[in-house]
Amino acid sequence: MKFLERQPSSKGPAQRFAGDAWVDMIAEGEAPSRLRAGVVRFAPCARTAWHRHSGGQTLHATEGFGLVQARDGKVRSSASPVVSR
């Protein structure tokens, strides 16, 4: 894994986020790994568009809560700090 040099936060693109979100990429895996690690900060009421990750995803919430939809279609609220899908 390679840690990336700190860059200014970038605003999340409108096709991926509703509302204001800022993204900081912090690490990436070396080939053939597809690992990417980032920090995403959301303004109140902002969210991501519903999407999927073919290789799975682990989310670590530092504050607040979120909604997660599993492959079976069930949507659940998560106040837990770590959610894997």
PDB file of N, CA and C in Angstrom:
ATOM      1  N   MET A   1       0.845  -1.165   0.000  1.00  0.00           N
ATOM      2  CA  MET A   1       0.000   0.000   0.000  1.00  0.00           C
ATOM      3  C   MET A   1       0.894   1.233   0.000  1.00  0.00           C
ATOM      4  N   LYS A   2       0.476   2.226  -0.777  1.00  0.00           N
ATOM      5  CA  LYS A   2       1.221   3.474  -0.866  1.00  0.00           C
ATOM      6  C   LYS A   2       0.359   4.597  -0.296  1.00  0.00           C
ATOM      7  N   PHE A   3       0.900   5.318   0.691  1.00  0.00           N
ATOM      8  CA  PHE A   3       0.191   6.469   1.232  1.00  0.00           C
ATOM      9  C   PHE A   3       0.447   7.663   0.326  1.00  0.00           C
ATOM     10  N   LEU A   4      -0.604   8.399   0.026  1.00  0.00           N
ATOM     11  CA  LEU A   4      -0.524   9.512  -0.916  1.00  0.00           C
ATOM     12  C   LEU A   4      -0.169  10.809  -0.200  1.00  0.00           C
ATOM     13  N   GLU A   5       0.518  11.693  -0.915  1.00  0.00           N
ATOM     14  CA  GLU A   5       0.814  13.006  -0.358  1.00  0.00           C
ATOM     15  C   GLU A   5      -0.487  13.766  -0.169  1.00  0.00           C
ATOM     16  N   ARG A   6      -0.545  14.529   0.897  1.00  0.00           N
ATOM     17  CA  ARG A   6      -1.758  15.299   1.187  1.00  0.00           C
ATOM     18  C   ARG A   6      -1.990  16.338   0.099  1.00  0.00           C
ATOM     19  N   GLN A   7      -3.203  16.348  -0.422  1.00  0.00           N
ATOM     20  CA  GLN A   7      -3.630  17.301  -1.440  1.00  0.00           C
ATOM     21  C   GLN A   7      -4.811  18.092  -0.885  1.00  0.00           C
ATOM     22  N   PRO A   8      -5.138  19.229  -1.481  1.00  0.00           N
ATOM     23  CA  PRO A   8      -6.353  19.933  -1.054  1.00  0.00           C
ATOM     24  C   PRO A   8      -7.574  19.034  -1.274  1.00  0.00           C
ATOM     25  N   SER A   9      -8.555  19.114  -0.390  1.00  0.00           N
ATOM     26  CA  SER A   9      -9.782  18.332  -0.552  1.00  0.00           C
ATOM     27  C   SER A   9     -10.434  18.685  -1.875  1.00  0.00           C
ATOM     28  N   SER A  10     -11.023  17.675  -2.521  1.00  0.00           N
ATOM     29  CA  SER A  10     -11.745  17.949  -3.764  1.00  0.00           C
ATOM     30  C   SER A  10     -13.235  17.763  -3.513  1.00  0.00           C
ATOM     31  N   LYS A  11     -14.035  18.596  -4.158  1.00  0.00           N
ATOM     32  CA  LYS A  11     -15.485  18.494  -4.014  1.00  0.00           C
ATOM     33  C   LYS A  11     -15.947  17.258  -4.768  1.00  0.00           C
ATOM     34  N   GLY A  12     -16.793  16.467  -4.130  1.00  0.00           N
ATOM     35  CA  GLY A  12     -17.316  15.266  -4.773  1.00  0.00           C
ATOM     36  C   GLY A  12     -18.147  15.623  -5.993  1.00  0.00           C
ATOM     37  N   PRO A  13     -18.017  14.860  -7.089  1.00  0.00           N
ATOM     38  CA  PRO A  13     -18.747  15.173  -8.318  1.00  0.00           C
ATOM     39  C   PRO A  13     -20.257  14.985  -8.153  1.00  0.00           C
ATOM     40  N   ALA A  14     -21.026  15.833  -8.824  1.00  0.00           N
ATOM     41  CA  ALA A  14     -22.489  15.816  -8.712  1.00  0.00           C
ATOM     42  C   ALA A  14     -23.089  14.477  -9.132  1.00  0.00           C
ATOM     43  N   GLN A  15     -22.452  13.733 -10.044  1.00  0.00           N
ATOM     44  CA  GLN A  15     -23.011  12.445 -10.460  1.00  0.00           C
ATOM     45  C   GLN A  15     -22.856  11.369  -9.382  1.00  0.00           C
ATOM     46  N   ARG A  16     -22.022  11.607  -8.373  1.00  0.00           N
ATOM     47  CA  ARG A  16     -21.842  10.640  -7.283  1.00  0.00           C
ATOM     48  C   ARG A  16     -22.425  11.098  -5.953  1.00  0.00           C
ATOM     49  N   PHE A  17     -22.660  12.394  -5.800  1.00  0.00           N
ATOM     50  CA  PHE A  17     -23.115  12.931  -4.520  1.00  0.00           C
ATOM     51  C   PHE A  17     -24.276  13.893  -4.717  1.00  0.00           C
ATOM     52  N   ALA A  18     -25.250  13.832  -3.815  1.00  0.00           N
ATOM     53  CA  ALA A  18     -26.321  14.830  -3.754  1.00  0.00           C
ATOM     54  C   ALA A  18     -25.998  15.706  -2.556  1.00  0.00           C
ATOM     55  N   GLY A  19     -25.830  16.986  -2.774  1.00  0.00           N
ATOM     56  CA  GLY A  19     -25.391  17.875  -1.708  1.00  0.00           C
ATOM     57  C   GLY A  19     -23.877  17.984  -1.724  1.00  0.00           C
ATOM     58  N   ASP A  20     -23.339  18.694  -0.757  1.00  0.00           N
ATOM     59  CA  ASP A  20     -21.901  18.944  -0.718  1.00  0.00           C
ATOM     60  C   ASP A  20     -21.152  17.845   0.027  1.00  0.00           C
ATOM     61  N   ALA A  21     -20.140  17.302  -0.632  1.00  0.00           N
ATOM     62  CA  ALA A  21     -19.260  16.298  -0.030  1.00  0.00           C
ATOM     63  C   ALA A  21     -17.842  16.595  -0.497  1.00  0.00           C
ATOM     64  N   TRP A  22     -16.866  16.341   0.365  1.00  0.00           N
ATOM     65  CA  TRP A  22     -15.458  16.586   0.038  1.00  0.00           C
ATOM     66  C   TRP A  22     -14.688  15.291   0.215  1.00  0.00           C
ATOM     67  N   VAL A  23     -13.775  15.024  -0.713  1.00  0.00           N
ATOM     68  CA  VAL A  23     -13.061  13.752  -0.758  1.00  0.00           C
ATOM     69  C   VAL A  23     -11.562  13.993  -0.615  1.00  0.00           C
ATOM     70  N   ASP A  24     -10.933  13.207   0.252  1.00  0.00           N
ATOM     71  CA  ASP A  24      -9.475  13.203   0.403  1.00  0.00           C
ATOM     72  C   ASP A  24      -9.014  11.760   0.242  1.00  0.00           C
ATOM     73  N   MET A  25      -8.287  11.469  -0.827  1.00  0.00           N
ATOM     74  CA  MET A  25      -7.732  10.131  -1.004  1.00  0.00           C
ATOM     75  C   MET A  25      -6.450  10.047  -0.178  1.00  0.00           C
ATOM     76  N   ILE A  26      -6.303   8.949   0.591  1.00  0.00           N
ATOM     77  CA  ILE A  26      -5.148   8.859   1.484  1.00  0.00           C
ATOM     78  C   ILE A  26      -4.206   7.700   1.164  1.00  0.00           C
ATOM     79  N   ALA A  27      -4.702   6.657   0.472  1.00  0.00           N
ATOM     80  CA  ALA A  27      -3.829   5.520   0.159  1.00  0.00           C
ATOM     81  C   ALA A  27      -4.384   4.752  -1.027  1.00  0.00           C
ATOM     82  N   GLU A  28      -3.495   4.019  -1.700  1.00  0.00           N
ATOM     83  CA  GLU A  28      -3.918   3.129  -2.780  1.00  0.00           C
ATOM     84  C   GLU A  28      -3.016   1.908  -2.785  1.00  0.00           C
ATOM     85  N   GLY A  29      -3.581   0.795  -3.239  1.00  0.00           N
ATOM     86  CA  GLY A  29      -2.810  -0.439  -3.317  1.00  0.00           C
ATOM     87  C   GLY A  29      -1.935  -0.449  -4.558  1.00  0.00           C
ATOM     88  N   GLU A  30      -0.953  -1.324  -4.546  1.00  0.00           N
ATOM     89  CA  GLU A  30      -0.104  -1.493  -5.724  1.00  0.00           C
ATOM     90  C   GLU A  30      -0.664  -2.639  -6.552  1.00  0.00           C
ATOM     91  N   ALA A  31      -0.562  -2.544  -7.876  1.00  0.00           N
ATOM     92  CA  ALA A  31      -1.121  -3.548  -8.787  1.00  0.00           C
ATOM     93  C   ALA A  31      -0.678  -4.948  -8.360  1.00  0.00           C
ATOM     94  N   PRO A  32      -1.565  -5.908  -8.408  1.00  0.00           N
ATOM     95  CA  PRO A  32      -2.904  -5.884  -8.997  1.00  0.00           C
ATOM     96  C   PRO A  32      -4.005  -5.470  -8.010  1.00  0.00           C
ATOM     97  N   SER A  33      -3.657  -5.001  -6.836  1.00  0.00           N
ATOM     98  CA  SER A  33      -4.650  -4.599  -5.843  1.00  0.00           C
ATOM     99  C   SER A  33      -5.505  -3.450  -6.364  1.00  0.00           C
ATOM    100  N   ARG A  34      -6.798  -3.471  -6.007  1.00  0.00           N
ATOM    101  CA  ARG A  34      -7.692  -2.363  -6.349  1.00  0.00           C
ATOM    102  C   ARG A  34      -8.012  -1.531  -5.110  1.00  0.00           C
ATOM    103  N   LEU A  35      -7.257  -1.731  -4.035  1.00  0.00           N
ATOM    104  CA  LEU A  35      -7.504  -1.022  -2.791  1.00  0.00           C
ATOM    105  C   LEU A  35      -7.357   0.481  -2.980  1.00  0.00           C
ATOM    106  N   ARG A  36      -8.307   1.212  -2.431  1.00  0.00           N
ATOM    107  CA  ARG A  36      -8.236   2.671  -2.362  1.00  0.00           C
ATOM    108  C   ARG A  36      -8.815   3.069  -1.021  1.00  0.00           C
ATOM    109  N   ALA A  37      -8.172   3.991  -0.348  1.00  0.00           N
ATOM    110  CA  ALA A  37      -8.668   4.455   0.949  1.00  0.00           C
ATOM    111  C   ALA A  37      -8.805   5.964   0.892  1.00  0.00           C
ATOM    112  N   GLY A  38      -9.924   6.439   1.380  1.00  0.00           N
ATOM    113  CA  GLY A  38     -10.165   7.872   1.364  1.00  0.00           C
ATOM    114  C   GLY A  38     -11.025   8.297   2.531  1.00  0.00           C
ATOM    115  N   VAL A  39     -11.071   9.585   2.740  1.00  0.00           N
ATOM    116  CA  VAL A  39     -11.934  10.191   3.747  1.00  0.00           C
ATOM    117  C   VAL A  39     -12.944  11.039   2.986  1.00  0.00           C
ATOM    118  N   VAL A  40     -14.225  10.811   3.264  1.00  0.00           N
ATOM    119  CA  VAL A  40     -15.286  11.598   2.637  1.00  0.00           C
ATOM    120  C   VAL A  40     -16.047  12.306   3.746  1.00  0.00           C
ATOM    121  N   ARG A  41     -16.185  13.617   3.620  1.00  0.00           N
ATOM    122  CA  ARG A  41     -16.926  14.416   4.605  1.00  0.00           C
ATOM    123  C   ARG A  41     -18.176  14.968   3.929  1.00  0.00           C
ATOM    124  N   PHE A  42     -19.308  14.855   4.619  1.00  0.00           N
ATOM    125  CA  PHE A  42     -20.595  15.268   4.069  1.00  0.00           C
ATOM    126  C   PHE A  42     -21.143  16.474   4.817  1.00  0.00           C
ATOM    127  N   ALA A  43     -21.690  17.436   4.074  1.00  0.00           N
ATOM    128  CA  ALA A  43     -22.444  18.528   4.679  1.00  0.00           C
ATOM    129  C   ALA A  43     -23.771  17.940   5.173  1.00  0.00           C
ATOM    130  N   PRO A  44     -24.454  18.606   6.105  1.00  0.00           N
ATOM    131  CA  PRO A  44     -25.752  18.100   6.557  1.00  0.00           C
ATOM    132  C   PRO A  44     -26.684  17.828   5.373  1.00  0.00           C
ATOM    133  N   CYS A  45     -27.351  16.687   5.418  1.00  0.00           N
ATOM    134  CA  CYS A  45     -28.322  16.225   4.408  1.00  0.00           C
ATOM    135  C   CYS A  45     -27.693  15.791   3.089  1.00  0.00           C
ATOM    136  N   ALA A  46     -26.378  15.837   2.943  1.00  0.00           N
ATOM    137  CA  ALA A  46     -25.734  15.357   1.716  1.00  0.00           C
ATOM    138  C   ALA A  46     -25.658  13.832   1.769  1.00  0.00           C
ATOM    139  N   ARG A  47     -25.511  13.202   0.603  1.00  0.00           N
ATOM    140  CA  ARG A  47     -25.438  11.743   0.540  1.00  0.00           C
ATOM    141  C   ARG A  47     -24.769  11.324  -0.756  1.00  0.00           C
ATOM    142  N   THR A  48     -24.416  10.050  -0.825  1.00  0.00           N
ATOM    143  CA  THR A  48     -23.943   9.506  -2.094  1.00  0.00           C
ATOM    144  C   THR A  48     -25.152   9.032  -2.883  1.00  0.00           C
ATOM    145  N   ALA A  49     -24.978   8.900  -4.178  1.00  0.00           N
ATOM    146  CA  ALA A  49     -25.993   8.244  -4.995  1.00  0.00           C
ATOM    147  C   ALA A  49     -25.914   6.751  -4.673  1.00  0.00           C
ATOM    148  N   TRP A  50     -27.032   6.024  -4.784  1.00  0.00           N
ATOM    149  CA  TRP A  50     -26.989   4.584  -4.569  1.00  0.00           C
ATOM    150  C   TRP A  50     -26.058   3.982  -5.612  1.00  0.00           C
ATOM    151  N   HIS A  51     -25.155   3.146  -5.162  1.00  0.00           N
ATOM    152  CA  HIS A  51     -24.192   2.513  -6.062  1.00  0.00           C
ATOM    153  C   HIS A  51     -23.709   1.217  -5.441  1.00  0.00           C
ATOM    154  N   ARG A  52     -22.926   0.462  -6.190  1.00  0.00           N
ATOM    155  CA  ARG A  52     -22.395  -0.798  -5.672  1.00  0.00           C
ATOM    156  C   ARG A  52     -20.896  -0.867  -5.894  1.00  0.00           C
ATOM    157  N   HIS A  53     -20.271  -1.745  -5.122  1.00  0.00           N
ATOM    158  CA  HIS A  53     -18.835  -2.001  -5.239  1.00  0.00           C
ATOM    159  C   HIS A  53     -18.663  -3.489  -5.490  1.00  0.00           C
ATOM    160  N   SER A  54     -18.194  -3.864  -6.672  1.00  0.00           N
ATOM    161  CA  SER A  54     -18.076  -5.281  -7.017  1.00  0.00           C
ATOM    162  C   SER A  54     -17.087  -6.010  -6.118  1.00  0.00           C
ATOM    163  N   GLY A  55     -16.080  -5.310  -5.626  1.00  0.00           N
ATOM    164  CA  GLY A  55     -15.092  -5.941  -4.754  1.00  0.00           C
ATOM    165  C   GLY A  55     -15.392  -5.766  -3.278  1.00  0.00           C
ATOM    166  N   GLY A  56     -16.558  -5.211  -2.951  1.00  0.00           N
ATOM    167  CA  GLY A  56     -16.913  -4.969  -1.562  1.00  0.00           C
ATOM    168  C   GLY A  56     -16.401  -3.621  -1.086  1.00  0.00           C
ATOM    169  N   GLN A  57     -16.822  -3.246   0.099  1.00  0.00           N
ATOM    170  CA  GLN A  57     -16.430  -1.959   0.660  1.00  0.00           C
ATOM    171  C   GLN A  57     -16.539  -2.037   2.174  1.00  0.00           C
ATOM    172  N   THR A  58     -15.632  -1.392   2.863  1.00  0.00           N
ATOM    173  CA  THR A  58     -15.725  -1.233   4.309  1.00  0.00           C
ATOM    174  C   THR A  58     -15.812   0.252   4.600  1.00  0.00           C
ATOM    175  N   LEU A  59     -16.826   0.635   5.355  1.00  0.00           N
ATOM    176  CA  LEU A  59     -17.022   2.031   5.735  1.00  0.00           C
ATOM    177  C   LEU A  59     -16.724   2.180   7.217  1.00  0.00           C
ATOM    178  N   HIS A  60     -16.053   3.235   7.574  1.00  0.00           N
ATOM    179  CA  HIS A  60     -15.792   3.529   8.981  1.00  0.00           C
ATOM    180  C   HIS A  60     -16.318   4.936   9.238  1.00  0.00           C
ATOM    181  N   ALA A  61     -17.430   5.030   9.958  1.00  0.00           N
ATOM    182  CA  ALA A  61     -18.036   6.330  10.249  1.00  0.00           C
ATOM    183  C   ALA A  61     -17.370   6.932  11.478  1.00  0.00           C
ATOM    184  N   THR A  62     -16.955   8.182  11.372  1.00  0.00           N
ATOM    185  CA  THR A  62     -16.336   8.844  12.520  1.00  0.00           C
ATOM    186  C   THR A  62     -17.356   9.628  13.326  1.00  0.00           C
ATOM    187  N   GLU A  63     -18.502   9.946  12.710  1.00  0.00           N
ATOM    188  CA  GLU A  63     -19.607  10.561  13.442  1.00  0.00           C
ATOM    189  C   GLU A  63     -20.859  10.475  12.587  1.00  0.00           C
ATOM    190  N   GLY A  64     -22.021  10.608  13.211  1.00  0.00           N
ATOM    191  CA  GLY A  64     -23.287  10.551  12.490  1.00  0.00           C
ATOM    192  C   GLY A  64     -23.720   9.120  12.220  1.00  0.00           C
ATOM    193  N   PHE A  65     -24.587   8.944  11.217  1.00  0.00           N
ATOM    194  CA  PHE A  65     -25.065   7.617  10.851  1.00  0.00           C
ATOM    195  C   PHE A  65     -25.329   7.597   9.357  1.00  0.00           C
ATOM    196  N   GLY A  66     -25.566   6.415   8.823  1.00  0.00           N
ATOM    197  CA  GLY A  66     -25.831   6.297   7.399  1.00  0.00           C
ATOM    198  C   GLY A  66     -26.793   5.169   7.110  1.00  0.00           C
ATOM    199  N   LEU A  67     -27.230   5.096   5.867  1.00  0.00           N
ATOM    200  CA  LEU A  67     -28.069   4.008   5.396  1.00  0.00           C
ATOM    201  C   LEU A  67     -27.236   3.141   4.475  1.00  0.00           C
ATOM    202  N   VAL A  68     -27.370   1.832   4.629  1.00  0.00           N
ATOM    203  CA  VAL A  68     -26.622   0.880   3.814  1.00  0.00           C
ATOM    204  C   VAL A  68     -27.617  -0.109   3.238  1.00  0.00           C
ATOM    205  N   GLN A  69     -27.498  -0.384   1.935  1.00  0.00           N
ATOM    206  CA  GLN A  69     -28.360  -1.374   1.303  1.00  0.00           C
ATOM    207  C   GLN A  69     -27.519  -2.586   0.955  1.00  0.00           C
ATOM    208  N   ALA A  70     -27.937  -3.750   1.436  1.00  0.00           N
ATOM    209  CA  ALA A  70     -27.227  -4.997   1.167  1.00  0.00           C
ATOM    210  C   ALA A  70     -27.656  -5.555  -0.188  1.00  0.00           C
ATOM    211  N   ARG A  71     -26.938  -6.556  -0.664  1.00  0.00           N
ATOM    212  CA  ARG A  71     -27.261  -7.171  -1.959  1.00  0.00           C
ATOM    213  C   ARG A  71     -28.668  -7.757  -1.985  1.00  0.00           C
ATOM    214  N   ASP A  72     -29.200  -8.129  -0.813  1.00  0.00           N
ATOM    215  CA  ASP A  72     -30.556  -8.680  -0.772  1.00  0.00           C
ATOM    216  C   ASP A  72     -31.620  -7.589  -0.889  1.00  0.00           C
ATOM    217  N   GLY A  73     -31.204  -6.324  -0.988  1.00  0.00           N
ATOM    218  CA  GLY A  73     -32.132  -5.218  -1.167  1.00  0.00           C
ATOM    219  C   GLY A  73     -32.583  -4.554   0.120  1.00  0.00           C
ATOM    220  N   LYS A  74     -32.280  -5.150   1.269  1.00  0.00           N
ATOM    221  CA  LYS A  74     -32.694  -4.556   2.537  1.00  0.00           C
ATOM    222  C   LYS A  74     -31.856  -3.317   2.837  1.00  0.00           C
ATOM    223  N   VAL A  75     -32.531  -2.254   3.246  1.00  0.00           N
ATOM    224  CA  VAL A  75     -31.860  -1.016   3.632  1.00  0.00           C
ATOM    225  C   VAL A  75     -31.886  -0.947   5.150  1.00  0.00           C
ATOM    226  N   ARG A  76     -30.738  -0.649   5.743  1.00  0.00           N
ATOM    227  CA  ARG A  76     -30.702  -0.529   7.193  1.00  0.00           C
ATOM    228  C   ARG A  76     -29.919   0.705   7.594  1.00  0.00           C
ATOM    229  N   SER A  77     -30.265   1.206   8.751  1.00  0.00           N
ATOM    230  CA  SER A  77     -29.582   2.355   9.315  1.00  0.00           C
ATOM    231  C   SER A  77     -28.378   1.848  10.085  1.00  0.00           C
ATOM    232  N   SER A  78     -27.282   2.571  10.002  1.00  0.00           N
ATOM    233  CA  SER A  78     -26.090   2.147  10.711  1.00  0.00           C
ATOM    234  C   SER A  78     -25.520   3.300  11.519  1.00  0.00           C
ATOM    235  N   ALA A  79     -25.592   3.158  12.831  1.00  0.00           N
ATOM    236  CA  ALA A  79     -24.915   4.104  13.710  1.00  0.00           C
ATOM    237  C   ALA A  79     -23.608   3.483  14.176  1.00  0.00           C
ATOM    238  N   SER A  80     -23.387   2.220  13.792  1.00  0.00           N
ATOM    239  CA  SER A  80     -22.166   1.508  14.142  1.00  0.00           C
ATOM    240  C   SER A  80     -20.985   2.136  13.413  1.00  0.00           C
ATOM    241  N   PRO A  81     -19.810   2.170  14.034  1.00  0.00           N
ATOM    242  CA  PRO A  81     -18.678   2.808  13.367  1.00  0.00           C
ATOM    243  C   PRO A  81     -18.137   2.055  12.153  1.00  0.00           C
ATOM    244  N   VAL A  82     -18.335   0.738  12.062  1.00  0.00           N
ATOM    245  CA  VAL A  82     -17.779  -0.005  10.928  1.00  0.00           C
ATOM    246  C   VAL A  82     -18.875  -0.823  10.263  1.00  0.00           C
ATOM    247  N   VAL A  83     -18.994  -0.681   8.951  1.00  0.00           N
ATOM    248  CA  VAL A  83     -19.978  -1.429   8.172  1.00  0.00           C
ATOM    249  C   VAL A  83     -19.251  -2.044   6.995  1.00  0.00           C
ATOM    250  N   SER A  84     -19.356  -3.355   6.814  1.00  0.00           N
ATOM    251  CA  SER A  84     -18.742  -4.027   5.659  1.00  0.00           C
ATOM    252  C   SER A  84     -19.828  -4.527   4.740  1.00  0.00           C
ATOM    253  N   ARG A  85     -19.647  -4.348   3.459  1.00  0.00           N
ATOM    254  CA  ARG A  85     -20.583  -4.850   2.443  1.00  0.00           C
ATOM    255  C   ARG A  85     -19.803  -5.287   1.259  1.00  0.00           C
TER     256      ARG A  85
END
